[in-house]
Amino acid sequence: MIAEKVLFLVLDGISDRPCEALNGLTPLSAAETPVLNQLAAEGVCGIMDTIAPGIRPGSDTSHLALLGYPPQDYYTGRGPLEAEGTGIHMTAGMIGFRCNFATVDRDGLIIDRRAGRISGTGPLSAAIREGVDLSALGVGFRFESGAGHRAALALIGEGLGDRVSSNDPKKEGVRPLPIRACSDDPADEKTARACNEFISQSAEILAAHPLNAQRVEEGLPPANFLLIRGAGKMGTFPNFQERYGLSGSVISAATLISGIGKVVGLEHIPVPGTTGSVDSDLDAKVEATLGELKRKDFVLLNIKGADEAGHDGNVVQKRDFIEVIDAALEPLLALPEDTLLVICADHSTPCSVRDHSADPVPVVIRGPGVRVDRTVRFDEVSCAEGGLNRIRGCDIMPIILDLINKSHKYGA
């Protein structure tokens, strides 16, 4: 039998480094994962550098590579992809940014870059859309909330550039930075002015918003400031179905991943109850995925919570959430025989680093035609002994296409 369907499961940031709190194990190797281990035992395993050895991948560049869109050819910055994922339709030339709702104190110092990981920011975004006016600069904008504390901004107008800095100092206890043009190009200088004006006006609106007053009363950090970064100019992407001959969907609570799927032509399937955090309804995501496999050839499923635990440096939470993931994946053991299952991470997020690292990630492919190896555990070390050996992210789609008999012969 040759597989006709593909489920591509990305366990965002699941891999790690040895943790002292886990007696030298990683959260993945310390977790009880009977489902992932069975899938590893039934498939072929390996480890993967999603970009290249020694290169720390972003979630954006890694997913582009995994889908077969080399980031060196297609990546123009995270902002446009994030914006697309929030529902802002990005056309070529629009300038996009990723944003955080953050908390600053009375002295203007950042005290929480994520405003207590706030959720439900729709009323704040609506107030910003209604109250901010950049027309004096000849600039229009779109602004939408994403998952949790995230949001996205798109600037529209003539003569805008994307080579501008961020106002996010990436640490707390300091003031936000002014956004500056990174060149002498008047287009970049215009964008920097528009961004600074947007931040200033939105801060006044957020400071007076009733939702933030309520949060203060409840002892929660108010979302009273915007940190924006990841500037990029929207480019063009070849359509996934035309590229591979596969209809496809993307299921992800992370707006970035939804945005990447949408710009390459995958249909975004929203799933109620999914948050992109450790409280996400994973059973609902898996159920939606199985439903999509009945109507589409290819489904990209992203599960993110382990990545957030890694960014927070929370070793125990990361291990425990991996066990939650494993339990939710049990229905995948009974996938139809015509389905190829690919499971990997997009990058490592070591709790000791609290950021992405270049450590390679585990990968397993299970389904018809796979040469099953001797690996019986899905973790960073066990998978390194598997039959796939060490591959790069750009290798995975060609391997998939070959296994489903859609690759083209090289030569006569």
Protein backbone atom coordinates (compact mmCIF):
# COMPACT_ATOMS: atom_id res chain seq x y z
CA MET A 1 0.00 0.00 0.00
CA ILE A 2 1.07 3.57 -0.70
CA ALA A 3 -0.15 6.32 1.63
CA GLU A 4 -2.55 8.89 0.19
CA LYS A 5 -2.98 11.17 3.22
CA VAL A 6 -0.41 13.02 5.35
CA LEU A 7 -0.75 14.19 8.94
CA PHE A 8 2.17 16.47 9.79
CA LEU A 9 2.26 17.02 13.56
CA VAL A 10 4.63 19.69 14.88
CA LEU A 11 5.15 19.57 18.65
CA ASP A 12 6.31 23.14 19.04
CA GLY A 13 9.49 23.51 21.12
CA ILE A 14 9.11 20.08 22.71
CA SER A 15 12.79 19.15 22.66
CA ASP A 16 15.22 20.38 25.30
CA ARG A 17 18.59 19.85 26.99
CA PRO A 18 19.38 17.75 30.08
CA CYS A 19 17.77 19.32 33.15
CA GLU A 20 19.28 19.11 36.62
CA ALA A 21 15.79 19.10 38.15
CA LEU A 22 15.05 15.90 36.16
CA ASN A 23 18.28 14.12 37.09
CA GLY A 24 19.89 14.94 33.76
CA LEU A 25 16.94 13.96 31.60
CA THR A 26 15.12 16.25 29.20
CA PRO A 27 11.43 16.95 29.87
CA LEU A 28 10.62 14.76 26.86
CA SER A 29 12.74 11.82 28.01
CA ALA A 30 11.50 12.19 31.60
CA ALA A 31 7.83 12.23 30.61
CA GLU A 32 5.67 9.12 30.41
CA THR A 33 4.85 8.96 26.70
CA PRO A 34 3.49 5.52 25.78
CA VAL A 35 1.72 6.79 22.65
CA LEU A 36 4.70 8.65 21.20
CA ASN A 37 6.92 5.69 22.04
CA GLN A 38 4.61 3.25 20.25
CA LEU A 39 4.53 5.51 17.20
CA ALA A 40 8.34 5.66 17.27
CA ALA A 41 8.51 1.86 17.50
CA GLU A 42 6.20 1.56 14.48
CA GLY A 43 8.08 4.07 12.35
CA VAL A 44 11.46 5.31 11.25
CA CYS A 45 13.16 7.89 13.46
CA GLY A 46 15.90 10.46 13.24
CA ILE A 47 16.96 13.89 14.37
CA MET A 48 16.61 17.05 12.37
CA ASP A 49 18.17 20.49 12.09
CA THR A 50 15.16 22.44 10.90
CA ILE A 51 17.39 25.08 9.28
CA ALA A 52 20.99 23.85 9.53
CA PRO A 53 23.40 22.65 12.23
CA GLY A 54 24.20 25.42 14.68
CA ILE A 55 21.44 27.74 13.42
CA ARG A 56 18.80 28.72 15.98
CA PRO A 57 15.48 28.51 14.16
CA GLY A 58 12.56 30.81 14.65
CA SER A 59 9.12 29.23 14.63
CA ASP A 60 8.53 31.12 11.37
CA THR A 61 11.66 30.08 9.49
CA SER A 62 11.43 26.50 10.76
CA HIS A 63 7.83 26.00 9.64
CA LEU A 64 8.60 27.49 6.25
CA ALA A 65 11.49 25.03 5.91
CA LEU A 66 9.36 22.10 7.07
CA LEU A 67 6.73 22.94 4.43
CA GLY A 68 9.40 23.13 1.74
CA TYR A 69 9.66 26.90 1.40
CA PRO A 70 13.36 27.65 2.04
CA PRO A 71 13.40 30.67 4.36
CA GLN A 72 16.43 32.11 2.59
CA ASP A 73 14.19 32.45 -0.46
CA TYR A 74 10.82 33.31 1.08
CA TYR A 75 11.27 34.78 4.54
CA THR A 76 10.70 38.54 4.79
CA GLY A 77 10.15 38.82 8.55
CA ARG A 78 7.72 37.38 11.06
CA GLY A 79 5.36 40.32 11.17
CA PRO A 80 3.50 39.74 7.88
CA LEU A 81 2.98 36.06 8.70
CA GLU A 82 1.70 36.85 12.19
CA ALA A 83 -0.63 39.47 10.75
CA GLU A 84 -2.08 37.04 8.24
CA GLY A 85 -2.74 34.58 11.05
CA THR A 86 -4.79 37.11 13.02
CA GLY A 87 -7.11 37.63 10.08
CA ILE A 88 -5.41 40.62 8.44
CA HIS A 89 -5.25 39.86 4.74
CA MET A 90 -1.71 40.79 3.76
CA THR A 91 -1.12 41.75 0.16
CA ALA A 92 2.32 42.12 -1.40
CA GLY A 93 4.07 45.26 -0.16
CA MET A 94 2.16 45.68 3.11
CA ILE A 95 4.34 46.11 6.22
CA GLY A 96 3.55 43.73 9.09
CA PHE A 97 4.61 43.50 12.74
CA ARG A 98 4.08 41.07 15.58
CA CYS A 99 3.01 42.67 18.84
CA ASN A 100 2.79 41.91 22.54
CA PHE A 101 0.39 43.49 24.97
CA ALA A 102 2.74 44.40 27.82
CA THR A 103 2.69 46.16 31.20
CA VAL A 104 4.60 49.33 32.08
CA ASP A 105 4.60 51.01 35.49
CA ARG A 106 4.03 54.67 36.30
CA ASP A 107 7.66 55.44 35.52
CA GLY A 108 7.35 53.89 32.07
CA LEU A 109 9.42 50.81 32.92
CA ILE A 110 8.41 47.45 31.50
CA ILE A 111 7.38 45.16 34.34
CA ASP A 112 5.82 42.34 32.28
CA ARG A 113 6.48 41.84 28.58
CA ARG A 114 3.35 39.67 28.25
CA ALA A 115 0.93 41.47 30.61
CA GLY A 116 0.53 38.36 32.74
CA ARG A 117 -0.06 36.28 29.60
CA ILE A 118 -3.38 38.05 29.22
CA SER A 119 -6.07 36.57 27.00
CA GLY A 120 -9.29 38.02 25.65
CA THR A 121 -7.72 41.23 24.34
CA GLY A 122 -10.38 41.78 21.67
CA PRO A 123 -11.89 44.85 23.42
CA LEU A 124 -8.44 46.43 23.69
CA SER A 125 -7.75 45.91 20.01
CA ALA A 126 -11.15 47.30 19.09
CA ALA A 127 -10.46 50.45 21.09
CA ILE A 128 -7.11 50.88 19.34
CA ARG A 129 -8.68 50.48 15.90
CA GLU A 130 -11.29 53.07 16.77
CA GLY A 131 -9.04 55.59 18.47
CA VAL A 132 -5.66 55.63 16.72
CA ASP A 133 -5.35 57.94 13.71
CA LEU A 134 -2.25 57.93 11.50
CA SER A 135 -3.82 59.84 8.61
CA ALA A 136 -1.61 62.89 9.22
CA LEU A 137 1.31 60.69 8.17
CA GLY A 138 -0.53 59.33 5.14
CA VAL A 139 -0.67 55.88 6.69
CA GLY A 140 -3.53 53.48 7.33
CA PHE A 141 -3.35 50.44 9.57
CA ARG A 142 -4.97 47.17 10.59
CA PHE A 143 -4.62 45.85 14.13
CA GLU A 144 -5.93 42.52 15.44
CA SER A 145 -5.55 40.40 18.56
CA GLY A 146 -3.90 37.02 18.32
CA ALA A 147 -3.76 34.20 20.85
CA GLY A 148 -3.13 35.22 24.45
CA HIS A 149 -1.01 38.34 24.80
CA ARG A 150 -0.18 38.45 21.11
CA ALA A 151 -1.43 40.78 18.41
CA ALA A 152 -0.42 41.97 14.96
CA LEU A 153 -0.15 45.31 13.19
CA ALA A 154 -0.12 46.04 9.47
CA LEU A 155 0.69 49.43 7.95
CA ILE A 156 -0.80 50.47 4.61
CA GLY A 157 0.33 53.36 2.46
CA GLU A 158 2.73 54.64 -0.14
CA GLY A 159 6.43 54.93 0.56
CA LEU A 160 6.70 52.56 3.54
CA GLY A 161 9.78 50.48 4.29
CA ASP A 162 10.37 47.50 6.55
CA ARG A 163 13.91 48.14 7.77
CA VAL A 164 13.05 49.46 11.21
CA SER A 165 14.01 48.45 14.73
CA SER A 166 11.82 47.18 17.56
CA ASN A 167 10.73 48.99 20.71
CA ASP A 168 11.06 45.75 22.69
CA PRO A 169 14.27 45.64 24.79
CA LYS A 170 13.59 41.90 25.41
CA LYS A 171 13.91 42.38 29.17
CA GLU A 172 12.01 43.90 32.04
CA GLY A 173 12.89 46.76 34.37
CA VAL A 174 13.84 49.09 31.51
CA ARG A 175 12.03 51.53 29.25
CA PRO A 176 10.74 50.59 25.81
CA LEU A 177 13.04 51.67 23.02
CA PRO A 178 12.19 54.22 20.35
CA ILE A 179 11.68 52.66 16.95
CA ARG A 180 14.32 53.82 14.51
CA ALA A 181 14.92 53.47 10.80
CA CYS A 182 17.75 51.03 10.09
CA SER A 183 18.76 52.88 6.91
CA ASP A 184 18.73 56.36 5.40
CA ASP A 185 15.85 55.39 3.13
CA PRO A 186 12.93 57.86 3.58
CA ALA A 187 10.54 54.89 3.37
CA ASP A 188 12.05 53.33 6.49
CA GLU A 189 12.04 56.67 8.28
CA LYS A 190 8.34 57.09 7.46
CA THR A 191 7.57 53.66 8.88
CA ALA A 192 9.51 54.43 12.08
CA ARG A 193 7.53 57.66 12.57
CA ALA A 194 4.25 55.85 11.99
CA CYS A 195 5.17 53.10 14.46
CA ASN A 196 6.17 55.54 17.20
CA GLU A 197 2.96 57.51 16.71
CA PHE A 198 0.92 54.31 16.79
CA ILE A 199 2.57 53.21 20.03
CA SER A 200 2.07 56.61 21.65
CA GLN A 201 -1.60 56.91 20.74
CA SER A 202 -2.38 53.31 21.65
CA ALA A 203 -0.72 53.69 25.06
CA GLU A 204 -3.12 56.54 25.94
CA ILE A 205 -6.08 54.42 24.88
CA LEU A 206 -4.93 51.36 26.81
CA ALA A 207 -4.20 53.35 29.97
CA ALA A 208 -7.82 54.54 30.10
CA HIS A 209 -9.51 51.29 29.09
CA PRO A 210 -12.03 49.75 31.54
CA LEU A 211 -10.64 46.25 31.00
CA ASN A 212 -7.29 47.38 32.36
CA ALA A 213 -8.92 49.16 35.28
CA GLN A 214 -10.65 45.89 36.11
CA ARG A 215 -7.37 43.97 35.90
CA VAL A 216 -5.73 46.39 38.33
CA GLU A 217 -8.60 45.92 40.76
CA GLU A 218 -8.12 42.17 40.52
CA GLY A 219 -4.38 42.45 41.15
CA LEU A 220 -3.51 41.53 37.57
CA PRO A 221 -0.99 43.39 35.39
CA PRO A 222 -2.77 45.75 32.98
CA ALA A 223 -2.14 45.45 29.25
CA ASN A 224 -1.25 49.12 28.94
CA PHE A 225 1.50 49.13 26.33
CA LEU A 226 2.38 47.56 22.99
CA LEU A 227 5.75 46.07 22.13
CA ILE A 228 6.16 45.64 18.39
CA ARG A 229 8.85 43.79 16.46
CA GLY A 230 9.44 41.47 13.54
CA ALA A 231 8.96 44.05 10.80
CA GLY A 232 8.66 42.66 7.33
CA LYS A 233 7.25 43.43 3.90
CA MET A 234 4.74 40.90 2.63
CA GLY A 235 6.06 38.83 -0.25
CA THR A 236 4.54 36.13 -2.47
CA PHE A 237 4.44 32.36 -1.89
CA PRO A 238 3.81 29.57 -4.40
CA ASN A 239 0.54 27.78 -3.68
CA PHE A 240 0.96 24.55 -1.68
CA GLN A 241 -1.53 22.54 -3.71
CA GLU A 242 0.02 23.62 -7.00
CA ARG A 243 3.50 22.91 -5.64
CA TYR A 244 2.78 19.42 -4.31
CA GLY A 245 -0.55 18.30 -5.73
CA LEU A 246 -2.01 18.06 -2.22
CA SER A 247 -5.03 19.84 -0.78
CA GLY A 248 -4.33 20.94 2.75
CA SER A 249 -5.42 22.47 6.04
CA VAL A 250 -3.65 23.96 9.04
CA ILE A 251 -4.84 23.58 12.64
CA SER A 252 -3.05 25.81 15.11
CA ALA A 253 -3.92 28.20 17.92
CA ALA A 254 -0.70 30.10 17.22
CA THR A 255 -1.48 32.92 14.80
CA LEU A 256 2.01 32.71 13.32
CA ILE A 257 1.54 29.10 12.24
CA SER A 258 -1.98 29.76 11.00
CA GLY A 259 -0.58 32.69 9.03
CA ILE A 260 2.15 30.62 7.44
CA GLY A 261 -0.40 28.01 6.44
CA LYS A 262 -2.73 30.61 4.99
CA VAL A 263 -0.08 32.42 2.92
CA VAL A 264 0.89 29.15 1.22
CA GLY A 265 -2.75 28.25 0.59
CA LEU A 266 -3.64 25.87 3.42
CA GLU A 267 -7.15 26.31 4.81
CA HIS A 268 -7.09 27.47 8.43
CA ILE A 269 -9.45 25.44 10.61
CA PRO A 270 -10.29 27.26 13.87
CA VAL A 271 -10.94 24.99 16.85
CA PRO A 272 -12.84 26.39 19.87
CA GLY A 273 -11.06 25.92 23.18
CA THR A 274 -7.54 25.98 21.79
CA THR A 275 -5.22 28.61 23.25
CA GLY A 276 -1.65 27.81 22.25
CA SER A 277 -0.84 27.34 25.95
CA VAL A 278 -0.86 24.48 28.43
CA ASP A 279 -4.62 24.94 28.97
CA SER A 280 -5.44 24.24 25.33
CA ASP A 281 -8.13 21.69 24.44
CA LEU A 282 -5.90 19.16 22.71
CA ASP A 283 -8.65 16.57 22.36
CA ALA A 284 -10.60 19.05 20.26
CA LYS A 285 -7.56 19.72 18.07
CA VAL A 286 -6.98 16.03 17.44
CA GLU A 287 -10.67 15.46 16.69
CA ALA A 288 -10.67 18.36 14.23
CA THR A 289 -7.52 17.00 12.60
CA LEU A 290 -9.04 13.57 12.07
CA GLY A 291 -12.07 15.25 10.52
CA GLU A 292 -9.92 17.26 8.14
CA LEU A 293 -8.06 14.13 7.00
CA LYS A 294 -11.36 12.87 5.59
CA ARG A 295 -11.63 15.86 3.25
CA LYS A 296 -8.02 16.95 2.66
CA ASP A 297 -4.80 15.24 1.57
CA PHE A 298 -2.49 17.04 4.01
CA VAL A 299 -3.08 18.44 7.49
CA LEU A 300 -0.54 20.47 9.44
CA LEU A 301 -1.26 20.28 13.19
CA ASN A 302 0.73 22.46 15.58
CA ILE A 303 0.65 21.94 19.37
CA LYS A 304 2.44 24.72 21.19
CA GLY A 305 2.19 24.59 25.01
CA ALA A 306 5.54 22.87 25.64
CA ASP A 307 7.28 25.75 23.90
CA GLU A 308 5.75 28.28 26.31
CA ALA A 309 6.86 26.21 29.31
CA GLY A 310 10.38 26.19 27.87
CA HIS A 311 10.34 29.97 27.41
CA ASP A 312 9.22 30.28 31.03
CA GLY A 313 11.99 27.94 32.21
CA ASN A 314 9.37 25.72 33.86
CA VAL A 315 10.88 22.24 33.65
CA VAL A 316 8.16 20.39 35.55
CA GLN A 317 5.33 22.09 33.66
CA LYS A 318 6.98 21.21 30.36
CA ARG A 319 7.38 17.54 31.34
CA ASP A 320 3.83 17.34 32.63
CA PHE A 321 2.34 18.99 29.55
CA ILE A 322 4.20 16.57 27.30
CA GLU A 323 2.32 13.81 29.11
CA VAL A 324 -0.94 15.67 28.41
CA ILE A 325 0.02 15.84 24.74
CA ASP A 326 0.81 12.14 24.67
CA ALA A 327 -2.57 11.18 26.12
CA ALA A 328 -4.36 13.39 23.58
CA LEU A 329 -2.52 11.70 20.70
CA GLU A 330 -3.87 8.22 21.46
CA PRO A 331 -6.42 8.36 18.58
CA LEU A 332 -3.48 8.62 16.16
CA LEU A 333 -2.61 5.00 16.92
CA ALA A 334 -5.70 4.04 14.92
CA LEU A 335 -5.15 6.25 11.90
CA PRO A 336 -6.42 4.78 8.61
CA GLU A 337 -3.86 2.59 6.86
CA ASP A 338 -3.57 5.04 3.99
CA THR A 339 -2.22 7.82 6.26
CA LEU A 340 1.40 8.81 6.66
CA LEU A 341 2.10 10.34 10.08
CA VAL A 342 5.06 12.69 10.54
CA ILE A 343 5.88 13.96 14.04
CA CYS A 344 8.67 16.39 14.88
CA ALA A 345 9.46 19.62 16.68
CA ASP A 346 10.15 22.88 14.91
CA HIS A 347 13.01 23.79 17.25
CA SER A 348 14.32 23.07 20.73
CA THR A 349 13.32 25.41 23.57
CA PRO A 350 15.60 24.49 26.49
CA CYS A 351 14.32 25.51 29.90
CA SER A 352 17.88 26.52 30.80
CA VAL A 353 18.03 28.96 27.87
CA ARG A 354 14.38 30.13 27.93
CA ASP A 355 14.63 30.62 24.19
CA HIS A 356 15.14 28.62 21.04
CA SER A 357 18.40 26.76 20.56
CA ALA A 358 20.10 25.05 17.63
CA ASP A 359 19.88 21.57 19.20
CA PRO A 360 18.44 19.14 16.64
CA VAL A 361 14.92 17.84 17.21
CA PRO A 362 13.48 14.31 17.13
CA VAL A 363 11.41 13.16 14.17
CA VAL A 364 9.43 10.01 13.36
CA ILE A 365 7.63 8.95 10.18
CA ARG A 366 5.09 6.15 10.49
CA GLY A 367 2.93 4.63 7.78
CA PRO A 368 2.91 2.54 4.60
CA GLY A 369 6.27 1.98 2.96
CA VAL A 370 8.34 3.11 5.95
CA ARG A 371 11.43 1.04 6.80
CA VAL A 372 10.82 0.53 10.51
CA ASP A 373 14.00 0.83 12.55
CA ARG A 374 14.89 -0.35 16.06
CA THR A 375 14.07 2.86 17.90
CA VAL A 376 11.33 2.40 20.50
CA ARG A 377 11.29 5.78 22.29
CA PHE A 378 10.47 9.24 21.01
CA ASP A 379 13.07 11.49 22.58
CA GLU A 380 16.12 13.50 21.60
CA VAL A 381 18.70 10.75 22.16
CA SER A 382 16.76 7.65 21.14
CA CYS A 383 15.65 9.12 17.82
CA ALA A 384 19.25 10.01 16.99
CA GLU A 385 19.91 6.28 16.59
CA GLY A 386 17.10 5.83 14.05
CA GLY A 387 17.16 5.02 10.36
CA LEU A 388 16.56 8.57 9.14
CA ASN A 389 19.83 9.58 10.75
CA ARG A 390 20.33 13.40 10.79
CA ILE A 391 18.41 15.42 8.25
CA ARG A 392 17.43 19.04 7.68
CA GLY A 393 14.01 20.58 7.70
CA CYS A 394 14.09 21.09 3.93
CA ASP A 395 14.46 17.30 3.52
CA ILE A 396 11.18 16.34 5.13
CA MET A 397 8.73 17.29 2.34
CA PRO A 398 10.78 15.48 -0.34
CA ILE A 399 10.82 12.39 1.90
CA ILE A 400 7.05 12.67 2.38
CA LEU A 401 6.43 13.11 -1.35
CA ASP A 402 8.52 10.04 -2.13
CA LEU A 403 6.63 7.91 0.40
CA ILE A 404 3.26 8.95 -1.09
CA ASN A 405 4.57 8.42 -4.62
CA LYS A 406 4.37 12.06 -5.68
CA SER A 407 8.06 12.81 -6.12
CA HIS A 408 9.63 13.25 -9.54
CA LYS A 409 12.53 11.20 -10.82
CA TYR A 410 15.85 13.05 -11.02
CA GLY A 411 17.37 12.02 -14.31
CA ALA A 412 16.30 9.49 -16.91
